[in-house]
Structures are given as structure tokens and as C-alpha cells.
Amino acid sequence: MSNLQTPPPAKLVCSIFSQQKGLINRVIDALCISYGNTDFKSPVIPFDITSYYEQEFGSNLKRIFISFAELVSQDALVDIKYATNKLEQEFSLEGKRQANIDPGILTAERLVLATGKNFAHRIYLGRGVFANLTLIYRKDSFMTLPWTYPDYASKEVIVFWNNVRKPYLKMISETIARNSKIS
């Protein structure tokens, strides 16, 4: 029998893309109201690796990745996905989304994105939300998987997530040390 334990909290991360950089910044501000300040923010990255979203959003999309300073419980991902979907609706114009928000969690071992789309490698979390294992950490870096989105597989994005992971590990070790002194 396995010893069931609550895992350490995770870094809340988001990918946000839109045609409008100003709108991306407004989305980030709205997310900060719910989840606190960001501690990492990527430069603006052209989101041109796929035409999948062109019909809904148009072309010339821009993306920013962010992480939040406050850690979240790993099992909060379903509620966070619902909150980001609601935020997408709030920023919609005439029923069309103007921004796409993909929340996820980063841990020492992995980067997981929340999605509403089922697929063979996605694990159902509940209430219509699936966990998409996107990157795993091996040998000093995050690594891709056969199903990793090409934009998450780029070197600059991998470096970004590696940089987010470093202070996260320090936060977790400090939390564990603090909790062991209390026990």
C-alpha cells in the first residue's frame, strides 16, 4: 500500500496570447487580483507556430508566459481553469475571445497545463478539466514529450521554465525546513 501524502504546492503559471499586447497586460493585471504578483514574465513571443487559432483570433498573435510569486495547491488547477475561462469571457468582444489564457502548474518534476480537451495522454481531473503533462524535468532541464506543443519545445521557452523552477525549488526547501522545525 502506498503512503498517501499531499504534494508540495506548485508554481501557478499561465500562457496568454492575443493580437493586442495591451490586452495581454490587462489580462495579467486581472490575474494578479486573484493570484497575487507575478515573479517571472517572458518577453513577448510571436505565436506563429500554428494556424489553429487564426479563425477565432486572427493572425499576428503575441504570447507572454508568466508565473506567480504565491504558490498554489496542486489540486487547485480545476478551479483555476474555471477562473481563467471566466476571465476569457469577460475580455470577449461580441462573443469572440480576444485573449487565450492557459493556466498550469510547475513543480520540481513537471509542467502541467489545464485543458478542456481530452486526448490519450491527458488525465481527467474533474468538472471537464484535463491535465496535460507538457514537460518533464530530467538531467538539469525540462524536456519535451512526444505530444509537447512545438511552441513549448522551443529553446527559449525551455530556458524560461528552467529559470522559473530554480527559485521555486528554494521556496519549497525553505517551506519543508520551516515545517520540520514546527513538528
N, C-alpha and C. Protein backbone atom coordinates (compact mmCIF):
# COMPACT_ATOMS: atom_id res chain seq x y z
N MET A 1 0.84 -1.18 0.00
CA MET A 1 0.00 0.00 0.00
C MET A 1 0.89 1.24 0.00
N SER A 2 0.55 2.19 -0.83
CA SER A 2 1.34 3.42 -0.86
C SER A 2 0.92 4.35 0.26
N ASN A 3 1.86 5.16 0.70
CA ASN A 3 1.62 6.14 1.75
C ASN A 3 1.13 7.42 1.09
N LEU A 4 -0.15 7.72 1.21
CA LEU A 4 -0.74 8.88 0.53
C LEU A 4 -0.36 10.16 1.25
N GLN A 5 0.18 11.11 0.50
CA GLN A 5 0.60 12.39 1.05
C GLN A 5 0.20 13.51 0.11
N THR A 6 -0.02 14.67 0.69
CA THR A 6 -0.28 15.86 -0.11
C THR A 6 1.06 16.34 -0.67
N PRO A 7 1.14 16.55 -1.99
CA PRO A 7 2.40 17.03 -2.56
C PRO A 7 2.64 18.50 -2.20
N PRO A 8 3.87 18.95 -2.33
CA PRO A 8 4.14 20.36 -2.05
C PRO A 8 3.36 21.26 -3.02
N PRO A 9 3.14 22.50 -2.62
CA PRO A 9 2.45 23.41 -3.54
C PRO A 9 3.28 23.64 -4.80
N ALA A 10 2.62 24.18 -5.80
CA ALA A 10 3.24 24.37 -7.12
C ALA A 10 3.27 25.85 -7.49
N LYS A 11 4.06 26.15 -8.51
CA LYS A 11 4.04 27.49 -9.11
C LYS A 11 2.86 27.54 -10.06
N LEU A 12 2.02 28.55 -9.90
CA LEU A 12 0.97 28.80 -10.88
C LEU A 12 1.59 29.55 -12.04
N VAL A 13 1.36 29.04 -13.24
CA VAL A 13 1.90 29.66 -14.45
C VAL A 13 0.77 29.84 -15.46
N CYS A 14 0.94 30.77 -16.35
CA CYS A 14 -0.06 30.99 -17.41
C CYS A 14 0.63 31.37 -18.70
N SER A 15 0.03 30.94 -19.78
CA SER A 15 0.35 31.43 -21.12
C SER A 15 -0.83 32.29 -21.54
N ILE A 16 -0.54 33.47 -22.04
CA ILE A 16 -1.60 34.36 -22.50
C ILE A 16 -1.23 34.80 -23.90
N PHE A 17 -2.18 34.64 -24.84
CA PHE A 17 -1.92 35.21 -26.16
C PHE A 17 -3.12 35.97 -26.68
N SER A 18 -2.81 36.94 -27.53
CA SER A 18 -3.80 37.83 -28.11
C SER A 18 -3.13 38.57 -29.26
N GLN A 19 -3.94 39.26 -30.06
CA GLN A 19 -3.37 40.15 -31.08
C GLN A 19 -2.84 41.42 -30.43
N GLN A 20 -3.38 41.77 -29.26
CA GLN A 20 -3.10 43.06 -28.64
C GLN A 20 -2.24 42.90 -27.39
N LYS A 21 -1.04 43.47 -27.42
CA LYS A 21 -0.17 43.40 -26.24
C LYS A 21 -0.81 44.10 -25.05
N GLY A 22 -1.50 45.22 -25.30
CA GLY A 22 -2.17 45.93 -24.21
C GLY A 22 -3.21 45.07 -23.52
N LEU A 23 -3.92 44.27 -24.28
CA LEU A 23 -4.92 43.37 -23.70
C LEU A 23 -4.24 42.29 -22.86
N ILE A 24 -3.12 41.78 -23.35
CA ILE A 24 -2.37 40.79 -22.56
C ILE A 24 -2.02 41.38 -21.20
N ASN A 25 -1.56 42.62 -21.19
CA ASN A 25 -1.21 43.27 -19.92
C ASN A 25 -2.43 43.45 -19.02
N ARG A 26 -3.59 43.75 -19.59
CA ARG A 26 -4.82 43.87 -18.79
C ARG A 26 -5.23 42.51 -18.22
N VAL A 27 -5.05 41.46 -19.00
CA VAL A 27 -5.34 40.11 -18.51
C VAL A 27 -4.41 39.78 -17.34
N ILE A 28 -3.13 40.09 -17.48
CA ILE A 28 -2.18 39.84 -16.39
C ILE A 28 -2.59 40.60 -15.14
N ASP A 29 -2.98 41.86 -15.30
CA ASP A 29 -3.44 42.65 -14.14
C ASP A 29 -4.64 41.98 -13.47
N ALA A 30 -5.58 41.49 -14.26
CA ALA A 30 -6.77 40.82 -13.71
C ALA A 30 -6.37 39.53 -12.99
N LEU A 31 -5.44 38.77 -13.56
CA LEU A 31 -4.98 37.55 -12.90
C LEU A 31 -4.29 37.86 -11.57
N CYS A 32 -3.55 38.96 -11.54
CA CYS A 32 -2.84 39.34 -10.31
C CYS A 32 -3.81 39.67 -9.17
N ILE A 33 -5.00 40.16 -9.51
CA ILE A 33 -6.00 40.43 -8.47
C ILE A 33 -6.36 39.14 -7.74
N SER A 34 -6.47 38.05 -8.48
CA SER A 34 -6.84 36.76 -7.88
C SER A 34 -5.66 35.97 -7.32
N TYR A 35 -4.49 36.06 -7.97
CA TYR A 35 -3.39 35.15 -7.64
C TYR A 35 -2.13 35.83 -7.14
N GLY A 36 -2.17 37.14 -6.95
CA GLY A 36 -1.01 37.86 -6.44
C GLY A 36 -0.07 38.27 -7.56
N ASN A 37 1.05 38.81 -7.16
CA ASN A 37 2.01 39.35 -8.13
C ASN A 37 2.72 38.26 -8.92
N THR A 38 3.14 38.63 -10.11
CA THR A 38 3.97 37.73 -10.91
C THR A 38 5.41 37.88 -10.45
N ASP A 39 6.18 36.81 -10.62
CA ASP A 39 7.61 36.90 -10.33
C ASP A 39 8.46 36.66 -11.58
N PHE A 40 7.87 36.08 -12.60
CA PHE A 40 8.55 35.90 -13.89
C PHE A 40 7.59 36.25 -15.00
N LYS A 41 8.12 36.90 -16.02
CA LYS A 41 7.33 37.27 -17.19
C LYS A 41 8.25 37.18 -18.40
N SER A 42 7.86 36.40 -19.37
CA SER A 42 8.69 36.24 -20.58
C SER A 42 8.60 37.51 -21.42
N PRO A 43 9.54 37.68 -22.33
CA PRO A 43 9.34 38.72 -23.33
C PRO A 43 8.15 38.34 -24.22
N VAL A 44 7.67 39.28 -24.98
CA VAL A 44 6.60 38.97 -25.94
C VAL A 44 7.18 38.04 -27.00
N ILE A 45 6.48 36.94 -27.24
CA ILE A 45 6.93 35.93 -28.20
C ILE A 45 5.87 35.83 -29.29
N PRO A 46 6.27 35.92 -30.56
CA PRO A 46 5.28 35.72 -31.62
C PRO A 46 4.67 34.32 -31.51
N PHE A 47 3.36 34.25 -31.60
CA PHE A 47 2.66 32.97 -31.54
C PHE A 47 2.25 32.62 -32.97
N ASP A 48 3.22 32.10 -33.71
CA ASP A 48 3.01 31.86 -35.14
C ASP A 48 3.32 30.42 -35.54
N ILE A 49 3.37 29.53 -34.57
CA ILE A 49 3.76 28.15 -34.84
C ILE A 49 2.60 27.32 -35.41
N THR A 50 1.37 27.83 -35.25
CA THR A 50 0.20 27.11 -35.74
C THR A 50 -0.84 28.11 -36.25
N SER A 51 -1.67 27.65 -37.15
CA SER A 51 -2.78 28.49 -37.63
C SER A 51 -4.09 28.08 -36.96
N TYR A 52 -4.02 27.20 -35.98
CA TYR A 52 -5.19 26.64 -35.31
C TYR A 52 -6.14 27.73 -34.78
N TYR A 53 -5.58 28.82 -34.26
CA TYR A 53 -6.39 29.85 -33.62
C TYR A 53 -6.72 31.03 -34.53
N GLU A 54 -6.26 31.01 -35.79
CA GLU A 54 -6.44 32.17 -36.67
C GLU A 54 -7.89 32.52 -36.92
N GLN A 55 -8.75 31.54 -37.11
CA GLN A 55 -10.15 31.84 -37.39
C GLN A 55 -10.79 32.59 -36.22
N GLU A 56 -10.44 32.19 -35.00
CA GLU A 56 -11.03 32.83 -33.82
C GLU A 56 -10.35 34.15 -33.47
N PHE A 57 -9.01 34.19 -33.55
CA PHE A 57 -8.26 35.33 -33.06
C PHE A 57 -7.63 36.19 -34.15
N GLY A 58 -7.56 35.69 -35.36
CA GLY A 58 -6.83 36.39 -36.41
C GLY A 58 -5.37 35.99 -36.38
N SER A 59 -4.56 36.70 -37.14
CA SER A 59 -3.13 36.38 -37.21
C SER A 59 -2.33 37.40 -36.39
N ASN A 60 -1.03 37.28 -36.45
CA ASN A 60 -0.11 38.18 -35.74
C ASN A 60 -0.35 38.14 -34.23
N LEU A 61 -0.48 36.92 -33.70
CA LEU A 61 -0.71 36.76 -32.27
C LEU A 61 0.60 36.90 -31.50
N LYS A 62 0.46 37.44 -30.29
CA LYS A 62 1.60 37.62 -29.40
C LYS A 62 1.33 36.84 -28.12
N ARG A 63 2.38 36.28 -27.54
CA ARG A 63 2.23 35.47 -26.33
C ARG A 63 3.20 35.93 -25.26
N ILE A 64 2.75 35.82 -24.02
CA ILE A 64 3.60 36.04 -22.86
C ILE A 64 3.36 34.90 -21.88
N PHE A 65 4.43 34.36 -21.31
CA PHE A 65 4.34 33.38 -20.24
C PHE A 65 4.60 34.11 -18.93
N ILE A 66 3.86 33.75 -17.89
CA ILE A 66 4.07 34.34 -16.57
C ILE A 66 4.04 33.25 -15.50
N SER A 67 4.65 33.57 -14.36
CA SER A 67 4.47 32.74 -13.17
C SER A 67 4.18 33.68 -12.01
N PHE A 68 3.53 33.13 -11.01
CA PHE A 68 3.12 33.91 -9.86
C PHE A 68 4.00 33.62 -8.66
N ALA A 69 4.23 34.64 -7.84
CA ALA A 69 5.09 34.51 -6.67
C ALA A 69 4.49 33.57 -5.63
N GLU A 70 3.18 33.63 -5.45
CA GLU A 70 2.49 32.78 -4.46
C GLU A 70 2.32 31.37 -5.01
N LEU A 71 2.60 30.39 -4.19
CA LEU A 71 2.40 29.01 -4.60
C LEU A 71 0.93 28.61 -4.43
N VAL A 72 0.52 27.60 -5.19
CA VAL A 72 -0.86 27.12 -5.11
C VAL A 72 -0.86 25.61 -4.85
N SER A 73 -1.94 25.14 -4.28
CA SER A 73 -2.12 23.71 -4.11
C SER A 73 -2.24 23.07 -5.49
N GLN A 74 -1.62 21.92 -5.67
CA GLN A 74 -1.66 21.27 -6.98
C GLN A 74 -3.08 20.88 -7.37
N ASP A 75 -3.93 20.62 -6.40
CA ASP A 75 -5.29 20.23 -6.75
C ASP A 75 -6.21 21.43 -7.01
N ALA A 76 -5.67 22.63 -7.05
CA ALA A 76 -6.46 23.83 -7.36
C ALA A 76 -6.59 24.06 -8.86
N LEU A 77 -5.95 23.24 -9.67
CA LEU A 77 -5.89 23.50 -11.11
C LEU A 77 -7.26 23.54 -11.78
N VAL A 78 -8.19 22.72 -11.34
CA VAL A 78 -9.53 22.73 -11.93
C VAL A 78 -10.20 24.08 -11.68
N ASP A 79 -10.18 24.54 -10.43
CA ASP A 79 -10.79 25.84 -10.11
C ASP A 79 -10.10 26.97 -10.86
N ILE A 80 -8.80 26.89 -11.01
CA ILE A 80 -8.06 27.93 -11.72
C ILE A 80 -8.45 27.94 -13.19
N LYS A 81 -8.62 26.78 -13.79
CA LYS A 81 -9.05 26.71 -15.19
C LYS A 81 -10.43 27.35 -15.36
N TYR A 82 -11.33 27.09 -14.43
CA TYR A 82 -12.65 27.72 -14.49
C TYR A 82 -12.52 29.24 -14.38
N ALA A 83 -11.66 29.71 -13.49
CA ALA A 83 -11.48 31.16 -13.31
C ALA A 83 -10.90 31.80 -14.57
N THR A 84 -9.93 31.13 -15.21
CA THR A 84 -9.35 31.73 -16.42
C THR A 84 -10.33 31.68 -17.58
N ASN A 85 -11.16 30.64 -17.65
CA ASN A 85 -12.20 30.61 -18.69
C ASN A 85 -13.18 31.77 -18.51
N LYS A 86 -13.54 32.03 -17.25
CA LYS A 86 -14.44 33.16 -16.97
C LYS A 86 -13.79 34.48 -17.37
N LEU A 87 -12.51 34.61 -17.10
CA LEU A 87 -11.78 35.82 -17.47
C LEU A 87 -11.73 35.99 -18.99
N GLU A 88 -11.53 34.90 -19.71
CA GLU A 88 -11.57 34.96 -21.17
C GLU A 88 -12.91 35.50 -21.65
N GLN A 89 -13.99 35.05 -21.02
CA GLN A 89 -15.33 35.53 -21.39
C GLN A 89 -15.48 37.01 -21.09
N GLU A 90 -14.95 37.45 -19.95
CA GLU A 90 -15.05 38.86 -19.58
C GLU A 90 -14.32 39.76 -20.57
N PHE A 91 -13.26 39.27 -21.16
CA PHE A 91 -12.50 40.05 -22.14
C PHE A 91 -12.97 39.81 -23.57
N SER A 92 -14.03 39.02 -23.74
CA SER A 92 -14.57 38.75 -25.08
C SER A 92 -15.25 39.99 -25.64
N LEU A 93 -15.32 40.03 -26.95
CA LEU A 93 -15.97 41.13 -27.66
C LEU A 93 -16.96 40.52 -28.64
N GLU A 94 -18.22 40.84 -28.47
CA GLU A 94 -19.28 40.31 -29.33
C GLU A 94 -19.23 38.78 -29.40
N GLY A 95 -19.01 38.16 -28.25
CA GLY A 95 -19.00 36.71 -28.16
C GLY A 95 -17.72 36.03 -28.64
N LYS A 96 -16.73 36.79 -29.06
CA LYS A 96 -15.45 36.21 -29.52
C LYS A 96 -14.35 36.51 -28.51
N ARG A 97 -13.61 35.47 -28.18
CA ARG A 97 -12.49 35.68 -27.27
C ARG A 97 -11.46 36.61 -27.91
N GLN A 98 -10.92 37.49 -27.11
CA GLN A 98 -9.85 38.37 -27.56
C GLN A 98 -8.50 37.94 -26.99
N ALA A 99 -8.56 37.08 -25.97
CA ALA A 99 -7.34 36.57 -25.34
C ALA A 99 -7.55 35.11 -24.99
N ASN A 100 -6.49 34.35 -25.06
CA ASN A 100 -6.48 32.95 -24.65
C ASN A 100 -5.59 32.83 -23.42
N ILE A 101 -6.11 32.21 -22.38
CA ILE A 101 -5.35 32.04 -21.14
C ILE A 101 -5.24 30.55 -20.85
N ASP A 102 -4.03 30.04 -20.82
CA ASP A 102 -3.79 28.63 -20.50
C ASP A 102 -3.06 28.55 -19.16
N PRO A 103 -3.77 28.19 -18.09
CA PRO A 103 -3.11 28.05 -16.80
C PRO A 103 -2.44 26.69 -16.66
N GLY A 104 -1.48 26.63 -15.77
CA GLY A 104 -0.82 25.38 -15.48
C GLY A 104 -0.10 25.45 -14.15
N ILE A 105 0.52 24.35 -13.79
CA ILE A 105 1.34 24.31 -12.59
C ILE A 105 2.72 23.76 -12.94
N LEU A 106 3.71 24.36 -12.30
CA LEU A 106 5.09 23.92 -12.46
C LEU A 106 5.55 23.38 -11.11
N THR A 107 6.12 22.18 -11.14
CA THR A 107 6.69 21.57 -9.94
C THR A 107 8.14 21.21 -10.23
N ALA A 108 8.80 20.63 -9.27
CA ALA A 108 10.19 20.21 -9.48
C ALA A 108 10.29 19.20 -10.61
N GLU A 109 9.23 18.41 -10.81
CA GLU A 109 9.29 17.31 -11.76
C GLU A 109 8.67 17.59 -13.12
N ARG A 110 7.74 18.58 -13.19
CA ARG A 110 6.94 18.68 -14.42
C ARG A 110 6.29 20.04 -14.60
N LEU A 111 5.83 20.26 -15.83
CA LEU A 111 4.95 21.38 -16.16
C LEU A 111 3.66 20.76 -16.70
N VAL A 112 2.55 21.09 -16.07
CA VAL A 112 1.24 20.55 -16.44
C VAL A 112 0.33 21.71 -16.80
N LEU A 113 -0.33 21.62 -17.95
CA LEU A 113 -1.31 22.62 -18.36
C LEU A 113 -2.71 22.07 -18.15
N ALA A 114 -3.64 22.95 -17.85
CA ALA A 114 -5.05 22.57 -17.74
C ALA A 114 -5.71 22.79 -19.09
N THR A 115 -6.54 21.84 -19.49
CA THR A 115 -7.24 21.95 -20.77
C THR A 115 -8.62 21.32 -20.65
N GLY A 116 -9.50 21.72 -21.52
CA GLY A 116 -10.81 21.10 -21.59
C GLY A 116 -10.89 20.03 -22.67
N LYS A 117 -9.77 19.81 -23.35
CA LYS A 117 -9.75 18.87 -24.48
C LYS A 117 -9.13 17.54 -24.04
N ASN A 118 -9.86 16.46 -24.27
CA ASN A 118 -9.39 15.12 -23.93
C ASN A 118 -8.44 14.61 -25.02
N PHE A 119 -7.49 13.81 -24.62
CA PHE A 119 -6.60 13.12 -25.54
C PHE A 119 -5.95 11.97 -24.78
N ALA A 120 -5.31 11.05 -25.47
CA ALA A 120 -4.78 9.83 -24.85
C ALA A 120 -3.84 10.11 -23.68
N HIS A 121 -3.02 11.14 -23.77
CA HIS A 121 -2.02 11.41 -22.74
C HIS A 121 -2.52 12.37 -21.66
N ARG A 122 -3.77 12.78 -21.71
CA ARG A 122 -4.31 13.73 -20.75
C ARG A 122 -5.13 13.00 -19.69
N ILE A 123 -4.94 13.40 -18.45
CA ILE A 123 -5.60 12.75 -17.32
C ILE A 123 -6.77 13.63 -16.86
N TYR A 124 -7.91 13.02 -16.70
CA TYR A 124 -9.10 13.75 -16.27
C TYR A 124 -8.97 14.14 -14.80
N LEU A 125 -9.16 15.44 -14.52
CA LEU A 125 -9.08 15.94 -13.15
C LEU A 125 -10.45 16.14 -12.51
N GLY A 126 -11.46 16.36 -13.35
CA GLY A 126 -12.80 16.61 -12.83
C GLY A 126 -13.41 17.85 -13.45
N ARG A 127 -14.76 17.88 -13.47
CA ARG A 127 -15.52 19.04 -13.94
C ARG A 127 -15.12 19.48 -15.35
N GLY A 128 -14.77 18.51 -16.19
CA GLY A 128 -14.45 18.81 -17.58
C GLY A 128 -13.03 19.24 -17.85
N VAL A 129 -12.16 19.19 -16.85
CA VAL A 129 -10.78 19.67 -16.98
C VAL A 129 -9.82 18.47 -16.98
N PHE A 130 -8.87 18.53 -17.90
CA PHE A 130 -7.84 17.50 -18.03
C PHE A 130 -6.46 18.10 -17.73
N ALA A 131 -5.57 17.28 -17.23
CA ALA A 131 -4.17 17.66 -17.02
C ALA A 131 -3.36 17.22 -18.23
N ASN A 132 -2.68 18.17 -18.84
CA ASN A 132 -1.84 17.89 -20.00
C ASN A 132 -0.38 17.96 -19.55
N LEU A 133 0.24 16.80 -19.35
CA LEU A 133 1.65 16.75 -18.99
C LEU A 133 2.44 17.27 -20.19
N THR A 134 3.06 18.43 -20.03
CA THR A 134 3.66 19.14 -21.16
C THR A 134 5.18 18.99 -21.20
N LEU A 135 5.82 19.13 -20.06
CA LEU A 135 7.28 18.99 -19.96
C LEU A 135 7.61 18.19 -18.70
N ILE A 136 8.71 17.45 -18.74
CA ILE A 136 9.21 16.78 -17.55
C ILE A 136 10.64 17.24 -17.31
N TYR A 137 11.06 17.22 -16.04
CA TYR A 137 12.40 17.66 -15.70
C TYR A 137 13.32 16.46 -15.57
N ARG A 138 14.39 16.46 -16.37
CA ARG A 138 15.38 15.38 -16.37
C ARG A 138 16.75 15.98 -16.68
N LYS A 139 17.76 15.54 -15.95
CA LYS A 139 19.15 15.89 -16.27
C LYS A 139 19.34 17.39 -16.46
N ASP A 140 18.99 18.17 -15.47
CA ASP A 140 19.27 19.61 -15.43
C ASP A 140 18.42 20.48 -16.35
N SER A 141 17.33 19.96 -16.88
CA SER A 141 16.49 20.80 -17.74
C SER A 141 15.11 20.16 -17.93
N PHE A 142 14.16 21.01 -18.24
CA PHE A 142 12.88 20.48 -18.70
C PHE A 142 13.09 19.85 -20.06
N MET A 143 12.36 18.78 -20.31
CA MET A 143 12.45 18.06 -21.58
C MET A 143 11.06 17.89 -22.16
N THR A 144 11.01 17.81 -23.47
CA THR A 144 9.74 17.64 -24.17
C THR A 144 9.31 16.18 -24.16
N LEU A 145 8.07 16.00 -24.51
CA LEU A 145 7.47 14.67 -24.68
C LEU A 145 6.95 14.60 -26.11
N PRO A 146 6.61 13.42 -26.60
CA PRO A 146 6.15 13.33 -27.99
C PRO A 146 4.97 14.24 -28.31
N TRP A 147 4.16 14.58 -27.33
CA TRP A 147 2.97 15.40 -27.56
C TRP A 147 3.15 16.86 -27.14
N THR A 148 4.33 17.24 -26.69
CA THR A 148 4.55 18.63 -26.28
C THR A 148 4.28 19.56 -27.45
N TYR A 149 3.50 20.61 -27.18
CA TYR A 149 3.25 21.61 -28.23
C TYR A 149 4.59 22.17 -28.72
N PRO A 150 4.75 22.37 -30.04
CA PRO A 150 6.03 22.86 -30.57
C PRO A 150 6.50 24.17 -29.94
N ASP A 151 5.57 25.06 -29.61
CA ASP A 151 5.99 26.33 -29.02
C ASP A 151 6.53 26.14 -27.60
N TYR A 152 6.08 25.14 -26.88
CA TYR A 152 6.63 24.83 -25.56
C TYR A 152 7.96 24.09 -25.67
N ALA A 153 8.26 23.58 -26.84
CA ALA A 153 9.50 22.83 -27.06
C ALA A 153 10.66 23.73 -27.49
N SER A 154 10.39 25.00 -27.75
CA SER A 154 11.46 25.88 -28.21
C SER A 154 12.48 26.11 -27.10
N LYS A 155 13.71 26.34 -27.50
CA LYS A 155 14.80 26.51 -26.53
C LYS A 155 14.53 27.68 -25.59
N GLU A 156 14.06 28.81 -26.13
CA GLU A 156 13.84 29.99 -25.28
C GLU A 156 12.75 29.74 -24.24
N VAL A 157 11.74 28.96 -24.60
CA VAL A 157 10.66 28.66 -23.65
C VAL A 157 11.15 27.67 -22.58
N ILE A 158 11.92 26.68 -22.98
CA ILE A 158 12.50 25.73 -22.01
C ILE A 158 13.39 26.48 -21.01
N VAL A 159 14.21 27.40 -21.50
CA VAL A 159 15.07 28.21 -20.62
C VAL A 159 14.21 29.01 -19.64
N PHE A 160 13.12 29.59 -20.14
CA PHE A 160 12.22 30.35 -19.27
C PHE A 160 11.71 29.47 -18.12
N TRP A 161 11.21 28.27 -18.44
CA TRP A 161 10.67 27.40 -17.39
C TRP A 161 11.76 26.93 -16.44
N ASN A 162 12.96 26.68 -16.96
CA ASN A 162 14.08 26.32 -16.07
C ASN A 162 14.36 27.45 -15.09
N ASN A 163 14.30 28.69 -15.56
CA ASN A 163 14.54 29.84 -14.69
C ASN A 163 13.44 30.02 -13.65
N VAL A 164 12.21 29.68 -14.00
CA VAL A 164 11.11 29.74 -13.03
C VAL A 164 11.29 28.66 -11.97
N ARG A 165 11.79 27.51 -12.37
CA ARG A 165 11.92 26.36 -11.46
C ARG A 165 12.95 26.61 -10.35
N LYS A 166 14.05 27.29 -10.67
CA LYS A 166 15.14 27.47 -9.69
C LYS A 166 14.67 28.10 -8.38
N PRO A 167 14.05 29.27 -8.39
CA PRO A 167 13.60 29.84 -7.11
C PRO A 167 12.44 29.05 -6.48
N TYR A 168 11.67 28.37 -7.31
CA TYR A 168 10.60 27.52 -6.78
C TYR A 168 11.20 26.44 -5.88
N LEU A 169 12.28 25.81 -6.32
CA LEU A 169 12.92 24.76 -5.51
C LEU A 169 13.38 25.32 -4.17
N LYS A 170 13.91 26.54 -4.19
CA LYS A 170 14.36 27.18 -2.95
C LYS A 170 13.16 27.43 -2.03
N MET A 171 12.06 27.90 -2.60
CA MET A 171 10.86 28.15 -1.80
C MET A 171 10.36 26.87 -1.14
N ILE A 172 10.36 25.79 -1.91
CA ILE A 172 9.87 24.51 -1.39
C ILE A 172 10.79 24.00 -0.28
N SER A 173 12.11 24.09 -0.48
CA SER A 173 13.02 23.59 0.56
C SER A 173 12.91 24.43 1.83
N GLU A 174 12.70 25.75 1.69
CA GLU A 174 12.51 26.60 2.87
C GLU A 174 11.21 26.25 3.59
N THR A 175 10.17 25.96 2.84
CA THR A 175 8.88 25.57 3.42
C THR A 175 9.01 24.26 4.18
N ILE A 176 9.69 23.30 3.59
CA ILE A 176 9.89 22.00 4.24
C ILE A 176 10.71 22.17 5.52
N ALA A 177 11.77 22.97 5.46
CA ALA A 177 12.62 23.20 6.63
C ALA A 177 11.81 23.88 7.74
N ARG A 178 11.01 24.86 7.38
CA ARG A 178 10.18 25.58 8.35
C ARG A 178 9.17 24.63 9.00
N ASN A 179 8.55 23.79 8.19
CA ASN A 179 7.55 22.85 8.71
C ASN A 179 8.17 21.78 9.59
N SER A 180 9.41 21.37 9.29
CA SER A 180 10.06 20.34 10.12
C SER A 180 10.44 20.91 11.49
N LYS A 181 10.72 22.21 11.57
CA LYS A 181 11.03 22.84 12.86
C LYS A 181 9.78 22.93 13.73
N ILE A 182 8.62 23.07 13.08
CA ILE A 182 7.36 23.18 13.81
C ILE A 182 6.95 21.83 14.38
N SER A 183 7.24 20.75 13.66
CA SER A 183 6.81 19.40 14.08
C SER A 183 7.50 18.92 15.31
